[in-house]
C-alpha atoms as a PDB file:
ATOM      1  CA  MET A   1      -5.707 -14.787  19.574  1.00  0.00           C
ATOM      2  CA  ASN A   2      -5.875 -15.837  15.916  1.00  0.00           C
ATOM      3  CA  ASP A   3      -2.943 -15.931  13.491  1.00  0.00           C
ATOM      4  CA  TYR A   4      -3.918 -12.673  11.771  1.00  0.00           C
ATOM      5  CA  THR A   5      -4.065 -10.715  15.031  1.00  0.00           C
ATOM      6  CA  LEU A   6      -0.717 -12.078  16.194  1.00  0.00           C
ATOM      7  CA  ALA A   7       0.901 -11.344  12.824  1.00  0.00           C
ATOM      8  CA  PHE A   8      -0.408  -7.777  12.916  1.00  0.00           C
ATOM      9  CA  LEU A   9       0.834  -7.246  16.496  1.00  0.00           C
ATOM     10  CA  LEU A  10       4.299  -8.470  15.498  1.00  0.00           C
ATOM     11  CA  THR A  11       4.272  -5.981  12.616  1.00  0.00           C
ATOM     12  CA  VAL A  12       3.324  -3.184  15.037  1.00  0.00           C
ATOM     13  CA  LEU A  13       6.191  -4.235  17.326  1.00  0.00           C
ATOM     14  CA  ALA A  14       8.655  -4.192  14.429  1.00  0.00           C
ATOM     15  CA  GLY A  15       7.538  -0.744  13.274  1.00  0.00           C
ATOM     16  CA  LEU A  16       7.531   0.871  16.704  1.00  0.00           C
ATOM     17  CA  SER A  17      11.037  -0.413  17.427  1.00  0.00           C
ATOM     18  CA  MET A  18      12.212   2.799  15.751  1.00  0.00           C
ATOM     19  CA  LEU A  19      11.365   4.436  19.083  1.00  0.00           C
ATOM     20  CA  ILE A  20      14.382   2.673  20.611  1.00  0.00           C
ATOM     21  CA  GLY A  21      16.598   4.722  18.298  1.00  0.00           C
ATOM     22  CA  SER A  22      14.667   7.837  19.266  1.00  0.00           C
ATOM     23  CA  GLY A  23      15.251   7.051  22.935  1.00  0.00           C
ATOM     24  CA  ILE A  24      19.002   6.801  22.375  1.00  0.00           C
ATOM     25  CA  THR A  25      18.924  10.177  20.621  1.00  0.00           C
ATOM     26  CA  VAL A  26      16.922  12.153  23.172  1.00  0.00           C
ATOM     27  CA  LEU A  27      19.123  10.953  26.035  1.00  0.00           C
ATOM     28  CA  THR A  28      22.075  12.893  24.593  1.00  0.00           C
ATOM     29  CA  LYS A  29      22.807  16.532  25.351  1.00  0.00           C
ATOM     30  CA  LEU A  30      21.677  19.120  22.800  1.00  0.00           C
ATOM     31  CA  THR A  31      25.096  20.789  23.055  1.00  0.00           C
ATOM     32  CA  ASN A  32      26.870  17.594  22.000  1.00  0.00           C
ATOM     33  CA  GLN A  33      27.996  18.698  18.529  1.00  0.00           C
ATOM     34  CA  LYS A  34      30.127  15.586  18.054  1.00  0.00           C
ATOM     35  CA  PHE A  35      27.067  13.370  18.509  1.00  0.00           C
ATOM     36  CA  LEU A  36      25.091  15.448  16.005  1.00  0.00           C
ATOM     37  CA  SER A  37      27.879  15.250  13.427  1.00  0.00           C
ATOM     38  CA  VAL A  38      28.335  11.509  13.953  1.00  0.00           C
ATOM     39  CA  SER A  39      24.583  10.841  13.911  1.00  0.00           C
ATOM     40  CA  LEU A  40      24.054  12.762  10.655  1.00  0.00           C
ATOM     41  CA  GLY A  41      26.935  10.832   9.084  1.00  0.00           C
ATOM     42  CA  PHE A  42      25.445   7.667  10.588  1.00  0.00           C
ATOM     43  CA  SER A  43      22.096   8.506   8.983  1.00  0.00           C
ATOM     44  CA  ALA A  44      23.796   8.915   5.607  1.00  0.00           C
ATOM     45  CA  GLY A  45      25.568   5.576   6.022  1.00  0.00           C
ATOM     46  CA  VAL A  46      22.290   3.848   6.885  1.00  0.00           C
ATOM     47  CA  MET A  47      20.482   5.399   3.910  1.00  0.00           C
ATOM     48  CA  ILE A  48      23.267   4.789   1.371  1.00  0.00           C
ATOM     49  CA  TYR A  49      23.862   1.170   2.369  1.00  0.00           C
ATOM     50  CA  LEU A  50      20.162   0.371   2.642  1.00  0.00           C
ATOM     51  CA  SER A  51      19.490   1.932  -0.767  1.00  0.00           C
ATOM     52  CA  MET A  52      22.329   0.331  -2.688  1.00  0.00           C
ATOM     53  CA  MET A  53      22.511  -3.077  -0.992  1.00  0.00           C
ATOM     54  CA  GLU A  54      18.864  -3.877  -0.290  1.00  0.00           C
ATOM     55  CA  ILE A  55      16.285  -1.571  -1.872  1.00  0.00           C
ATOM     56  CA  LEU A  56      17.805  -1.161  -5.354  1.00  0.00           C
ATOM     57  CA  PRO A  57      18.615  -4.889  -5.800  1.00  0.00           C
ATOM     58  CA  GLU A  58      15.067  -5.737  -4.682  1.00  0.00           C
ATOM     59  CA  ALA A  59      13.708  -3.214  -7.183  1.00  0.00           C
ATOM     60  CA  ARG A  60      15.776  -4.810  -9.950  1.00  0.00           C
ATOM     61  CA  GLU A  61      14.526  -8.280  -8.998  1.00  0.00           C
ATOM     62  CA  TYR A  62      10.892  -7.152  -9.056  1.00  0.00           C
ATOM     63  CA  LEU A  63      11.281  -5.378 -12.402  1.00  0.00           C
ATOM     64  CA  ASP A  64      13.224  -8.262 -13.964  1.00  0.00           C
ATOM     65  CA  ASN A  65      10.412 -10.617 -12.961  1.00  0.00           C
ATOM     66  CA  ALA A  66       7.809  -8.275 -14.425  1.00  0.00           C
ATOM     67  CA  SER A  67       9.542  -7.138 -17.612  1.00  0.00           C
ATOM     68  CA  GLY A  68      12.548  -9.312 -18.371  1.00  0.00           C
ATOM     69  CA  GLU A  69      16.203  -8.660 -17.595  1.00  0.00           C
ATOM     70  CA  LEU A  70      16.902  -5.959 -20.194  1.00  0.00           C
ATOM     71  CA  ARG A  71      13.799  -3.859 -19.647  1.00  0.00           C
ATOM     72  CA  GLY A  72      13.998  -4.528 -15.911  1.00  0.00           C
ATOM     73  CA  GLY A  73      17.466  -2.968 -15.836  1.00  0.00           C
ATOM     74  CA  ILE A  74      16.310   0.044 -17.839  1.00  0.00           C
ATOM     75  CA  PHE A  75      13.237   0.532 -15.642  1.00  0.00           C
ATOM     76  CA  THR A  76      15.363   0.258 -12.485  1.00  0.00           C
ATOM     77  CA  LEU A  77      17.752   2.965 -13.665  1.00  0.00           C
ATOM     78  CA  ALA A  78      14.884   5.165 -14.846  1.00  0.00           C
ATOM     79  CA  ALA A  79      13.046   4.944 -11.518  1.00  0.00           C
ATOM     80  CA  PHE A  80      16.256   5.380  -9.488  1.00  0.00           C
ATOM     81  CA  PHE A  81      17.350   8.528 -11.307  1.00  0.00           C
ATOM     82  CA  GLY A  82      13.721   9.632 -11.449  1.00  0.00           C
ATOM     83  CA  GLY A  83      13.723   9.651  -7.644  1.00  0.00           C
ATOM     84  CA  ILE A  84      16.913  11.723  -7.643  1.00  0.00           C
ATOM     85  CA  LEU A  85      15.510  14.185 -10.197  1.00  0.00           C
ATOM     86  CA  LEU A  86      12.257  14.469  -8.250  1.00  0.00           C
ATOM     87  CA  MET A  87      14.149  15.446  -5.091  1.00  0.00           C
ATOM     88  CA  TRP A  88      16.335  17.850  -7.076  1.00  0.00           C
ATOM     89  CA  PHE A  89      13.222  19.503  -8.511  1.00  0.00           C
ATOM     90  CA  LEU A  90      11.499  19.724  -5.125  1.00  0.00           C
ATOM     91  CA  GLU A  91      14.627  21.234  -3.574  1.00  0.00           C
ATOM     92  CA  ALA A  92      14.803  23.838  -6.339  1.00  0.00           C
ATOM     93  CA  VAL A  93      11.106  24.740  -6.135  1.00  0.00           C
ATOM     94  CA  ILE A  94      10.326  24.410  -2.435  1.00  0.00           C
ATOM     95  CA  ALA A  95      13.598  25.406  -0.767  1.00  0.00           C
ATOM     96  CA  PRO A  96      15.792  27.255  -3.283  1.00  0.00           C
ATOM     97  CA  HIS A  97      17.655  29.114  -0.542  1.00  0.00           C
ATOM     98  CA  GLY A  98      18.061  26.246   1.888  1.00  0.00           C
ATOM     99  CA  HIS A  99      21.476  24.949   0.813  1.00  0.00           C
ATOM    100  CA  ASP A 100      24.158  27.129   2.243  1.00  0.00           C
ATOM    101  CA  HIS A 101      26.441  24.423   3.580  1.00  0.00           C
ATOM    102  CA  GLY A 102      29.399  26.692   3.959  1.00  0.00           C
ATOM    103  CA  CYS A 103      29.124  27.490   7.647  1.00  0.00           C
ATOM    104  CA  GLY A 104      29.191  25.464  10.823  1.00  0.00           C
ATOM    105  CA  PHE A 105      28.940  25.785  14.537  1.00  0.00           C
ATOM    106  CA  HIS A 106      32.175  27.664  14.661  1.00  0.00           C
ATOM    107  CA  GLY A 107      30.606  31.090  14.827  1.00  0.00           C
ATOM    108  CA  SER A 108      29.849  34.020  12.533  1.00  0.00           C
ATOM    109  CA  SER A 109      31.077  37.575  12.177  1.00  0.00           C
ATOM    110  CA  HIS A 110      28.730  38.477  15.025  1.00  0.00           C
ATOM    111  CA  GLY A 111      30.091  35.719  17.265  1.00  0.00           C
ATOM    112  CA  GLN A 112      26.830  33.755  17.119  1.00  0.00           C
ATOM    113  CA  SER A 113      26.340  30.077  16.480  1.00  0.00           C
ATOM    114  CA  ILE A 114      25.164  29.320  12.955  1.00  0.00           C
ATOM    115  CA  HIS A 115      22.924  26.445  13.924  1.00  0.00           C
ATOM    116  CA  ASP A 116      20.177  26.379  11.281  1.00  0.00           C
ATOM    117  CA  PRO A 117      17.161  24.677  12.876  1.00  0.00           C
ATOM    118  CA  SER A 118      15.073  24.864   9.703  1.00  0.00           C
ATOM    119  CA  LYS A 119      17.679  22.907   7.747  1.00  0.00           C
ATOM    120  CA  LEU A 120      17.948  20.206  10.400  1.00  0.00           C
ATOM    121  CA  MET A 121      14.165  20.013  10.659  1.00  0.00           C
ATOM    122  CA  ARG A 122      13.858  19.541   6.892  1.00  0.00           C
ATOM    123  CA  ILE A 123      16.477  16.773   6.986  1.00  0.00           C
ATOM    124  CA  GLY A 124      14.583  14.949   9.725  1.00  0.00           C
ATOM    125  CA  GLN A 125      11.234  15.312   7.979  1.00  0.00           C
ATOM    126  CA  LEU A 126      12.546  14.098   4.614  1.00  0.00           C
ATOM    127  CA  THR A 127      14.268  11.162   6.303  1.00  0.00           C
ATOM    128  CA  ALA A 128      11.024  10.255   8.079  1.00  0.00           C
ATOM    129  CA  ILE A 129       9.065  10.375   4.812  1.00  0.00           C
ATOM    130  CA  ALA A 130      11.621   8.308   2.872  1.00  0.00           C
ATOM    131  CA  LEU A 131      11.832   5.648   5.579  1.00  0.00           C
ATOM    132  CA  ALA A 132       8.036   5.575   5.935  1.00  0.00           C
ATOM    133  CA  ILE A 133       7.723   4.831   2.214  1.00  0.00           C
ATOM    134  CA  HIS A 134      10.273   2.045   2.648  1.00  0.00           C
ATOM    135  CA  ASN A 135       8.504   0.724   5.758  1.00  0.00           C
ATOM    136  CA  PHE A 136       5.093   0.532   4.070  1.00  0.00           C
ATOM    137  CA  PRO A 137       5.766  -2.503   1.820  1.00  0.00           C
ATOM    138  CA  GLU A 138       8.136  -3.911   4.459  1.00  0.00           C
ATOM    139  CA  GLY A 139       5.160  -4.038   6.817  1.00  0.00           C
ATOM    140  CA  LEU A 140       3.248  -6.224   4.379  1.00  0.00           C
ATOM    141  CA  THR A 141       6.288  -8.495   4.047  1.00  0.00           C
ATOM    142  CA  THR A 142       6.555  -8.822   7.835  1.00  0.00           C
ATOM    143  CA  PHE A 143       2.847  -9.575   8.116  1.00  0.00           C
ATOM    144  CA  VAL A 144       2.947 -12.301   5.477  1.00  0.00           C
ATOM    145  CA  SER A 145       6.088 -13.815   7.053  1.00  0.00           C
ATOM    146  CA  ALA A 146       4.382 -13.884  10.451  1.00  0.00           C
ATOM    147  CA  LEU A 147       1.400 -15.740   8.966  1.00  0.00           C
ATOM    148  CA  GLN A 148       3.749 -18.557   7.947  1.00  0.00           C
ATOM    149  CA  GLY A 149       4.448 -19.405  11.594  1.00  0.00           C
ATOM    150  CA  MET A 150       6.551 -18.265  14.533  1.00  0.00           C
ATOM    151  CA  LYS A 151       9.598 -20.201  13.333  1.00  0.00           C
ATOM    152  CA  ILE A 152       9.809 -17.819  10.371  1.00  0.00           C
ATOM    153  CA  ALA A 153       8.221 -14.772  11.985  1.00  0.00           C
ATOM    154  CA  ILE A 154      10.464 -14.340  15.040  1.00  0.00           C
ATOM    155  CA  PRO A 155      13.831 -14.141  13.180  1.00  0.00           C
ATOM    156  CA  VAL A 156      12.333 -11.741  10.616  1.00  0.00           C
ATOM    157  CA  VAL A 157      10.806  -9.470  13.266  1.00  0.00           C
ATOM    158  CA  VAL A 158      13.983  -9.456  15.394  1.00  0.00           C
ATOM    159  CA  ALA A 159      16.102  -8.556  12.363  1.00  0.00           C
ATOM    160  CA  ILE A 160      13.728  -5.737  11.391  1.00  0.00           C
ATOM    161  CA  ILE A 161      13.764  -4.416  14.962  1.00  0.00           C
ATOM    162  CA  ILE A 162      17.577  -4.346  14.902  1.00  0.00           C
ATOM    163  CA  HIS A 163      17.748  -2.424  11.642  1.00  0.00           C
ATOM    164  CA  ASN A 164      14.893  -0.081  12.652  1.00  0.00           C
ATOM    165  CA  ILE A 165      16.883   1.175  15.655  1.00  0.00           C
ATOM    166  CA  PRO A 166      19.452   3.093  13.547  1.00  0.00           C
ATOM    167  CA  ALA A 167      16.580   4.299  11.347  1.00  0.00           C
ATOM    168  CA  GLY A 168      14.999   5.835  14.451  1.00  0.00           C
ATOM    169  CA  ILE A 169      18.263   7.631  15.225  1.00  0.00           C
ATOM    170  CA  SER A 170      18.384   8.907  11.627  1.00  0.00           C
ATOM    171  CA  ILE A 171      14.981  10.560  12.013  1.00  0.00           C
ATOM    172  CA  SER A 172      15.119  11.770  15.597  1.00  0.00           C
ATOM    173  CA  SER A 173      18.610  13.240  15.819  1.00  0.00           C
ATOM    174  CA  PRO A 174      18.203  16.165  13.382  1.00  0.00           C
ATOM    175  CA  ILE A 175      14.682  16.936  14.637  1.00  0.00           C
ATOM    176  CA  TYR A 176      15.766  16.870  18.288  1.00  0.00           C
ATOM    177  CA  HIS A 177      18.691  19.193  17.606  1.00  0.00           C
ATOM    178  CA  ALA A 178      16.500  21.478  15.477  1.00  0.00           C
ATOM    179  CA  THR A 179      13.693  21.877  17.999  1.00  0.00           C
ATOM    180  CA  GLY A 180      15.104  20.854  21.371  1.00  0.00           C
ATOM    181  CA  SER A 181      11.875  18.892  21.826  1.00  0.00           C
ATOM    182  CA  ARG A 182      12.106  15.249  22.812  1.00  0.00           C
ATOM    183  CA  MET A 183       8.416  14.789  22.007  1.00  0.00           C
ATOM    184  CA  LYS A 184       8.781  16.070  18.424  1.00  0.00           C
ATOM    185  CA  ALA A 185      11.803  13.849  17.839  1.00  0.00           C
ATOM    186  CA  ILE A 186       9.884  10.832  19.112  1.00  0.00           C
ATOM    187  CA  LYS A 187       6.702  11.795  17.237  1.00  0.00           C
ATOM    188  CA  TYR A 188       8.280  11.754  13.774  1.00  0.00           C
ATOM    189  CA  SER A 189       9.982   8.432  14.443  1.00  0.00           C
ATOM    190  CA  PHE A 190       6.704   7.031  15.778  1.00  0.00           C
ATOM    191  CA  LEU A 191       4.753   8.151  12.698  1.00  0.00           C
ATOM    192  CA  SER A 192       7.377   6.737  10.347  1.00  0.00           C
ATOM    193  CA  GLY A 193       7.314   3.449  12.255  1.00  0.00           C
ATOM    194  CA  LEU A 194       3.516   3.300  11.984  1.00  0.00           C
ATOM    195  CA  ALA A 195       3.968   2.909   8.225  1.00  0.00           C
ATOM    196  CA  GLU A 196       4.828  -0.762   8.843  1.00  0.00           C
ATOM    197  CA  PRO A 197       1.516  -1.797  10.446  1.00  0.00           C
ATOM    198  CA  ALA A 198      -0.284   0.582   8.060  1.00  0.00           C
ATOM    199  CA  GLY A 199       1.379  -1.188   5.142  1.00  0.00           C
ATOM    200  CA  ALA A 200       0.384  -4.558   6.539  1.00  0.00           C
ATOM    201  CA  LEU A 201      -3.224  -3.503   7.061  1.00  0.00           C
ATOM    202  CA  ALA A 202      -3.667  -1.631   3.785  1.00  0.00           C
ATOM    203  CA  GLY A 203      -1.797  -4.240   1.800  1.00  0.00           C
ATOM    204  CA  TRP A 204      -3.809  -7.116   3.199  1.00  0.00           C
ATOM    205  CA  LEU A 205      -7.235  -5.466   2.986  1.00  0.00           C
ATOM    206  CA  ILE A 206      -6.966  -3.215  -0.068  1.00  0.00           C
ATOM    207  CA  LEU A 207      -3.774  -3.213  -2.097  1.00  0.00           C
ATOM    208  CA  VAL A 208      -3.004  -6.894  -2.663  1.00  0.00           C
ATOM    209  CA  PRO A 209      -5.073  -7.115  -5.902  1.00  0.00           C
ATOM    210  CA  PHE A 210      -3.311  -4.035  -7.321  1.00  0.00           C
ATOM    211  CA  MET A 211       0.253  -4.487  -6.103  1.00  0.00           C
ATOM    212  CA  SER A 212       2.421  -6.147  -8.718  1.00  0.00           C
ATOM    213  CA  ASP A 213       6.133  -6.746  -9.191  1.00  0.00           C
ATOM    214  CA  LEU A 214       6.154  -3.785 -11.581  1.00  0.00           C
ATOM    215  CA  VAL A 215       4.628  -1.401  -9.017  1.00  0.00           C
ATOM    216  CA  PHE A 216       6.882  -2.599  -6.182  1.00  0.00           C
ATOM    217  CA  GLY A 217       9.938  -2.358  -8.443  1.00  0.00           C
ATOM    218  CA  PHE A 218       9.307   1.235  -9.505  1.00  0.00           C
ATOM    219  CA  LEU A 219       8.457   2.226  -5.927  1.00  0.00           C
ATOM    220  CA  TYR A 220      11.599   0.665  -4.447  1.00  0.00           C
ATOM    221  CA  ALA A 221      13.950   2.073  -7.102  1.00  0.00           C
ATOM    222  CA  GLY A 222      12.447   5.553  -6.734  1.00  0.00           C
ATOM    223  CA  VAL A 223      12.828   5.438  -2.943  1.00  0.00           C
ATOM    224  CA  ALA A 224      16.465   4.368  -3.362  1.00  0.00           C
ATOM    225  CA  GLY A 225      17.076   7.423  -5.546  1.00  0.00           C
ATOM    226  CA  VAL A 226      15.427   9.709  -3.000  1.00  0.00           C
ATOM    227  CA  MET A 227      17.571   8.294  -0.181  1.00  0.00           C
ATOM    228  CA  ILE A 228      20.811   8.633  -2.147  1.00  0.00           C
ATOM    229  CA  PHE A 229      20.042  12.257  -3.036  1.00  0.00           C
ATOM    230  CA  MET A 230      19.205  13.102   0.573  1.00  0.00           C
ATOM    231  CA  SER A 231      22.393  11.460   1.829  1.00  0.00           C
ATOM    232  CA  PHE A 232      24.746  13.361  -0.464  1.00  0.00           C
ATOM    233  CA  ASP A 233      22.832  16.636  -0.699  1.00  0.00           C
ATOM    234  CA  GLU A 234      21.644  17.044   2.901  1.00  0.00           C
ATOM    235  CA  LEU A 235      23.019  14.583   5.432  1.00  0.00           C
ATOM    236  CA  LEU A 236      26.747  14.476   4.647  1.00  0.00           C
ATOM    237  CA  PRO A 237      27.169  18.253   4.075  1.00  0.00           C
ATOM    238  CA  SER A 238      25.285  18.919   7.308  1.00  0.00           C
ATOM    239  CA  ALA A 239      27.349  16.338   9.202  1.00  0.00           C
ATOM    240  CA  ARG A 240      30.495  18.221   8.193  1.00  0.00           C
ATOM    241  CA  GLU A 241      28.901  21.578   8.934  1.00  0.00           C
ATOM    242  CA  TYR A 242      27.862  20.735  12.473  1.00  0.00           C
ATOM    243  CA  GLY A 243      31.140  19.146  13.519  1.00  0.00           C
ATOM    244  CA  ASN A 244      34.569  17.944  12.492  1.00  0.00           C
ATOM    245  CA  HIS A 245      34.929  16.229   9.101  1.00  0.00           C
ATOM    246  CA  LYS A 246      36.352  13.071  10.674  1.00  0.00           C
ATOM    247  CA  PHE A 247      33.294  12.626  12.906  1.00  0.00           C
ATOM    248  CA  SER A 248      30.977  12.678   9.886  1.00  0.00           C
ATOM    249  CA  ILE A 249      33.103   9.962   8.232  1.00  0.00           C
ATOM    250  CA  TYR A 250      33.158   7.891  11.422  1.00  0.00           C
ATOM    251  CA  GLY A 251      29.368   8.127  11.508  1.00  0.00           C
ATOM    252  CA  LEU A 252      29.080   7.242   7.808  1.00  0.00           C
ATOM    253  CA  VAL A 253      31.166   4.075   8.173  1.00  0.00           C
ATOM    254  CA  LEU A 254      29.435   3.100  11.426  1.00  0.00           C
ATOM    255  CA  GLY A 255      25.992   3.531   9.836  1.00  0.00           C
ATOM    256  CA  MET A 256      26.975   1.312   6.910  1.00  0.00           C
ATOM    257  CA  ALA A 257      28.435  -1.317   9.235  1.00  0.00           C
ATOM    258  CA  VAL A 258      25.383  -1.437  11.512  1.00  0.00           C
ATOM    259  CA  MET A 259      23.008  -1.684   8.559  1.00  0.00           C
ATOM    260  CA  ALA A 260      25.178  -4.356   6.913  1.00  0.00           C
ATOM    261  CA  VAL A 261      25.062  -6.530  10.038  1.00  0.00           C
ATOM    262  CA  SER A 262      21.313  -6.042  10.457  1.00  0.00           C
ATOM    263  CA  LEU A 263      20.630  -6.974   6.827  1.00  0.00           C
ATOM    264  CA  LEU A 264      22.710 -10.135   7.186  1.00  0.00           C
ATOM    265  CA  MET A 265      20.240 -11.249   9.840  1.00  0.00           C
ATOM    266  CA  LEU A 266      17.221 -10.930   7.523  1.00  0.00           C
END
């Protein structure tokens, strides 16, 4: 087995580790409202911490290198808020009626549960897309690290596996509770995880001549904006809706803590 094949297989392993998080999710009961509330808050914590403590600083570093400190800062802010505005626009155009966060599981005037599967499904799908975009360049980074030798590759891959587990929970939990299907919950996490080896393959074969610090910087800052918007507009309101307020906060803090520890290992 040559170095390139081994590096690619390690990237596949890192990406598919999101399925561990999916496995944790699908082993819970669908009626466990506390788990749903905590996991949605957890997802928000993961997204917020990852965006503000890793993705946005990386974007700023790329853009500073490409354009200088002043313009790099301006470009970072523009791309970050551009990502937020893009999500705001898409929400207004695609799902203008999908934001009634005023009701929970506590029943309606007809005594029925107000579980909105379409809302949960949208949350899961958007989370999968945002994390896939993040995983794409991360896959190239993992691949290049692996080519430098196992002494560098193994710690990087292990750290990515650890921080991909909560990402898998973030994707699978809302989809599982929306559909009741373990296979659908696993499928979306699997597809999002495949972005890592896809990023490695595409980056190595096609994109390397075109990918610059400027492109990476705008991409990262925009993704950070998308994640922040999703966290505050979708995940946290839904976490409160589908359970007690305190459980959503517990999940939020836990998600931040888990992501903080995993990033320290990178």
